[in-house]
Amino acid sequence: MPIINIKTLKLDQSVKNIFADKIYEISYNSIGIPAIEIYFNEYDSYHINGKLITSENPVVTVEVQGPPIGKEKTAELAVAVKAATIDILGESKTSIFAYHYLDEDTFAINGTLLSDMEKPK
């Protein structure tokens, strides 16, 4: 099951709901797995280049852990995440995107490796 971590300053719940829905849609279309966990890692403050950031949220980091999807799909996903970030959170945001692939021989759900699960036809 892909896992998405979104790192940001605190957001209103309504904004998180909209952002999560959009990130889910984008990720499902790219990865093709319907069960995706999305977590918001929200902070009161953080530092960028040693400077304390407390109110204006200039950077949103989206990290995805999922199956290998290739360079082209990863690039498409990164562009779509950036577009969603701008659309929902504003033009001034920098979107940092990282895709960490999980090999189907090293990732299990309920004790069963992905490689041993029956594939949908």
C-alpha atoms as a PDB file:
ATOM      1  CA  MET A   1       0.000   0.000   0.000  1.00  0.00           C
ATOM      2  CA  PRO A   2       1.564   3.333  -0.974  1.00  0.00           C
ATOM      3  CA  ILE A   3       2.151   5.784   1.863  1.00  0.00           C
ATOM      4  CA  ILE A   4       2.232   9.540   1.347  1.00  0.00           C
ATOM      5  CA  ASN A   5       3.679  11.941   3.914  1.00  0.00           C
ATOM      6  CA  ILE A   6       2.948  15.646   3.487  1.00  0.00           C
ATOM      7  CA  LYS A   7       5.201  17.936   5.532  1.00  0.00           C
ATOM      8  CA  THR A   8       3.898  21.459   6.082  1.00  0.00           C
ATOM      9  CA  LEU A   9       3.072  24.122   8.614  1.00  0.00           C
ATOM     10  CA  LYS A  10      -0.352  23.568  10.173  1.00  0.00           C
ATOM     11  CA  LEU A  11      -3.283  23.727   7.735  1.00  0.00           C
ATOM     12  CA  ASP A  12      -7.024  24.082   8.287  1.00  0.00           C
ATOM     13  CA  GLN A  13      -8.830  20.735   8.192  1.00  0.00           C
ATOM     14  CA  SER A  14     -10.890  21.796   5.169  1.00  0.00           C
ATOM     15  CA  VAL A  15      -7.692  22.559   3.217  1.00  0.00           C
ATOM     16  CA  LYS A  16      -6.157  19.231   4.264  1.00  0.00           C
ATOM     17  CA  ASN A  17      -9.279  17.399   3.070  1.00  0.00           C
ATOM     18  CA  ILE A  18      -9.140  19.049  -0.357  1.00  0.00           C
ATOM     19  CA  PHE A  19      -5.374  18.524  -0.653  1.00  0.00           C
ATOM     20  CA  ALA A  20      -5.598  14.867   0.441  1.00  0.00           C
ATOM     21  CA  ASP A  21      -8.402  14.179  -2.060  1.00  0.00           C
ATOM     22  CA  LYS A  22      -6.375  15.686  -4.896  1.00  0.00           C
ATOM     23  CA  ILE A  23      -3.128  13.950  -3.917  1.00  0.00           C
ATOM     24  CA  TYR A  24      -5.002  10.635  -3.675  1.00  0.00           C
ATOM     25  CA  GLU A  25      -6.527  11.118  -7.146  1.00  0.00           C
ATOM     26  CA  ILE A  26      -3.164  12.018  -8.684  1.00  0.00           C
ATOM     27  CA  SER A  27      -1.355   9.147  -6.969  1.00  0.00           C
ATOM     28  CA  TYR A  28      -4.003   6.547  -7.801  1.00  0.00           C
ATOM     29  CA  ASN A  29      -3.890   7.570 -11.470  1.00  0.00           C
ATOM     30  CA  SER A  30      -0.086   7.228 -11.519  1.00  0.00           C
ATOM     31  CA  ILE A  31       0.458   4.232  -9.280  1.00  0.00           C
ATOM     32  CA  GLY A  32      -2.762   2.323  -9.940  1.00  0.00           C
ATOM     33  CA  ILE A  33      -3.222   0.988  -6.399  1.00  0.00           C
ATOM     34  CA  PRO A  34      -6.538   2.033  -4.789  1.00  0.00           C
ATOM     35  CA  ALA A  35      -5.471   1.757  -1.127  1.00  0.00           C
ATOM     36  CA  ILE A  36      -3.236   4.750  -0.348  1.00  0.00           C
ATOM     37  CA  GLU A  37      -2.459   6.088   3.135  1.00  0.00           C
ATOM     38  CA  ILE A  38      -1.965   9.856   3.391  1.00  0.00           C
ATOM     39  CA  TYR A  39      -0.451  11.466   6.486  1.00  0.00           C
ATOM     40  CA  PHE A  40      -0.034  15.155   7.235  1.00  0.00           C
ATOM     41  CA  ASN A  41       3.065  15.916   9.277  1.00  0.00           C
ATOM     42  CA  GLU A  42       2.238  19.418  10.472  1.00  0.00           C
ATOM     43  CA  TYR A  43       4.509  21.722  12.381  1.00  0.00           C
ATOM     44  CA  ASP A  44       4.166  24.976  14.315  1.00  0.00           C
ATOM     45  CA  SER A  45       7.465  26.052  12.790  1.00  0.00           C
ATOM     46  CA  TYR A  46      10.466  24.760  10.877  1.00  0.00           C
ATOM     47  CA  HIS A  47      13.776  26.095   9.565  1.00  0.00           C
ATOM     48  CA  ILE A  48      14.857  26.675   5.972  1.00  0.00           C
ATOM     49  CA  ASN A  49      18.516  27.555   5.457  1.00  0.00           C
ATOM     50  CA  GLY A  50      18.729  28.281   9.188  1.00  0.00           C
ATOM     51  CA  LYS A  51      15.822  30.764   9.099  1.00  0.00           C
ATOM     52  CA  LEU A  52      12.830  30.153  11.377  1.00  0.00           C
ATOM     53  CA  ILE A  53       9.535  29.838   9.481  1.00  0.00           C
ATOM     54  CA  THR A  54       6.386  30.208  11.608  1.00  0.00           C
ATOM     55  CA  SER A  55       3.606  31.845   9.611  1.00  0.00           C
ATOM     56  CA  GLU A  56       4.164  31.932   5.848  1.00  0.00           C
ATOM     57  CA  ASN A  57       4.465  28.395   4.523  1.00  0.00           C
ATOM     58  CA  PRO A  58       6.872  28.618   1.568  1.00  0.00           C
ATOM     59  CA  VAL A  59       7.608  24.892   1.212  1.00  0.00           C
ATOM     60  CA  VAL A  60       5.412  21.808   1.126  1.00  0.00           C
ATOM     61  CA  THR A  61       7.202  18.454   0.979  1.00  0.00           C
ATOM     62  CA  VAL A  62       5.370  15.440  -0.413  1.00  0.00           C
ATOM     63  CA  GLU A  63       7.085  12.073   0.031  1.00  0.00           C
ATOM     64  CA  VAL A  64       5.592   8.967  -1.563  1.00  0.00           C
ATOM     65  CA  GLN A  65       6.569   5.398  -0.763  1.00  0.00           C
ATOM     66  CA  GLY A  66       5.208   2.967  -3.306  1.00  0.00           C
ATOM     67  CA  PRO A  67       5.997   0.373  -5.959  1.00  0.00           C
ATOM     68  CA  PRO A  68       8.496   1.076  -8.738  1.00  0.00           C
ATOM     69  CA  ILE A  69       6.768   3.160 -11.429  1.00  0.00           C
ATOM     70  CA  GLY A  70       9.678   4.291 -13.594  1.00  0.00           C
ATOM     71  CA  LYS A  71      11.217   7.664 -14.304  1.00  0.00           C
ATOM     72  CA  GLU A  72       8.488   8.910 -16.683  1.00  0.00           C
ATOM     73  CA  LYS A  73       5.615   8.144 -14.279  1.00  0.00           C
ATOM     74  CA  THR A  74       7.589   9.609 -11.370  1.00  0.00           C
ATOM     75  CA  ALA A  75       8.156  12.821 -13.343  1.00  0.00           C
ATOM     76  CA  GLU A  76       4.448  13.016 -14.255  1.00  0.00           C
ATOM     77  CA  LEU A  77       3.519  12.505 -10.598  1.00  0.00           C
ATOM     78  CA  ALA A  78       5.951  15.244  -9.494  1.00  0.00           C
ATOM     79  CA  VAL A  79       4.459  17.734 -11.992  1.00  0.00           C
ATOM     80  CA  ALA A  80       0.907  16.856 -10.927  1.00  0.00           C
ATOM     81  CA  VAL A  81       1.777  17.249  -7.225  1.00  0.00           C
ATOM     82  CA  LYS A  82       3.325  20.668  -7.935  1.00  0.00           C
ATOM     83  CA  ALA A  83       0.183  21.744  -9.837  1.00  0.00           C
ATOM     84  CA  ALA A  84      -2.049  20.588  -6.964  1.00  0.00           C
ATOM     85  CA  THR A  85       0.131  22.432  -4.461  1.00  0.00           C
ATOM     86  CA  ILE A  86      -0.189  25.671  -6.427  1.00  0.00           C
ATOM     87  CA  ASP A  87      -3.910  25.184  -7.050  1.00  0.00           C
ATOM     88  CA  ILE A  88      -4.806  24.443  -3.434  1.00  0.00           C
ATOM     89  CA  LEU A  89      -2.147  26.184  -1.342  1.00  0.00           C
ATOM     90  CA  GLY A  90      -1.101  29.089  -3.543  1.00  0.00           C
ATOM     91  CA  GLU A  91       1.346  30.199  -6.195  1.00  0.00           C
ATOM     92  CA  SER A  92       4.132  31.108  -3.750  1.00  0.00           C
ATOM     93  CA  LYS A  93       4.633  27.555  -2.501  1.00  0.00           C
ATOM     94  CA  THR A  94       7.629  25.449  -3.386  1.00  0.00           C
ATOM     95  CA  SER A  95       6.752  21.804  -3.775  1.00  0.00           C
ATOM     96  CA  ILE A  96       9.475  19.336  -2.868  1.00  0.00           C
ATOM     97  CA  PHE A  97       8.654  15.861  -4.124  1.00  0.00           C
ATOM     98  CA  ALA A  98      10.353  12.546  -3.393  1.00  0.00           C
ATOM     99  CA  TYR A  99       9.326   9.093  -4.599  1.00  0.00           C
ATOM    100  CA  HIS A 100      10.814   6.175  -2.666  1.00  0.00           C
ATOM    101  CA  TYR A 101       9.963   2.922  -4.352  1.00  0.00           C
ATOM    102  CA  LEU A 102       9.244  -0.219  -2.426  1.00  0.00           C
ATOM    103  CA  ASP A 103      10.122  -3.414  -4.240  1.00  0.00           C
ATOM    104  CA  GLU A 104       7.397  -6.041  -4.206  1.00  0.00           C
ATOM    105  CA  ASP A 105       9.854  -8.502  -2.683  1.00  0.00           C
ATOM    106  CA  THR A 106      10.620  -6.194   0.264  1.00  0.00           C
ATOM    107  CA  PHE A 107       7.153  -4.873   1.151  1.00  0.00           C
ATOM    108  CA  ALA A 108       4.362  -6.913   2.761  1.00  0.00           C
ATOM    109  CA  ILE A 109       0.730  -6.356   3.768  1.00  0.00           C
ATOM    110  CA  ASN A 110      -0.604  -8.527   6.578  1.00  0.00           C
ATOM    111  CA  GLY A 111       2.484 -10.708   6.386  1.00  0.00           C
ATOM    112  CA  THR A 112       2.263 -11.409   2.649  1.00  0.00           C
ATOM    113  CA  LEU A 113       4.862 -10.009   0.267  1.00  0.00           C
ATOM    114  CA  LEU A 114       3.399  -8.017  -2.603  1.00  0.00           C
ATOM    115  CA  SER A 115       5.087 -10.415  -5.022  1.00  0.00           C
ATOM    116  CA  ASP A 116       3.118 -13.291  -3.480  1.00  0.00           C
ATOM    117  CA  MET A 117      -0.287 -11.569  -3.693  1.00  0.00           C
ATOM    118  CA  GLU A 118      -2.718 -12.407  -6.454  1.00  0.00           C
ATOM    119  CA  LYS A 119      -2.651  -9.723  -9.114  1.00  0.00           C
ATOM    120  CA  PRO A 120      -5.937  -8.251 -10.419  1.00  0.00           C
ATOM    121  CA  LYS A 121      -6.727  -9.282 -13.981  1.00  0.00           C
END
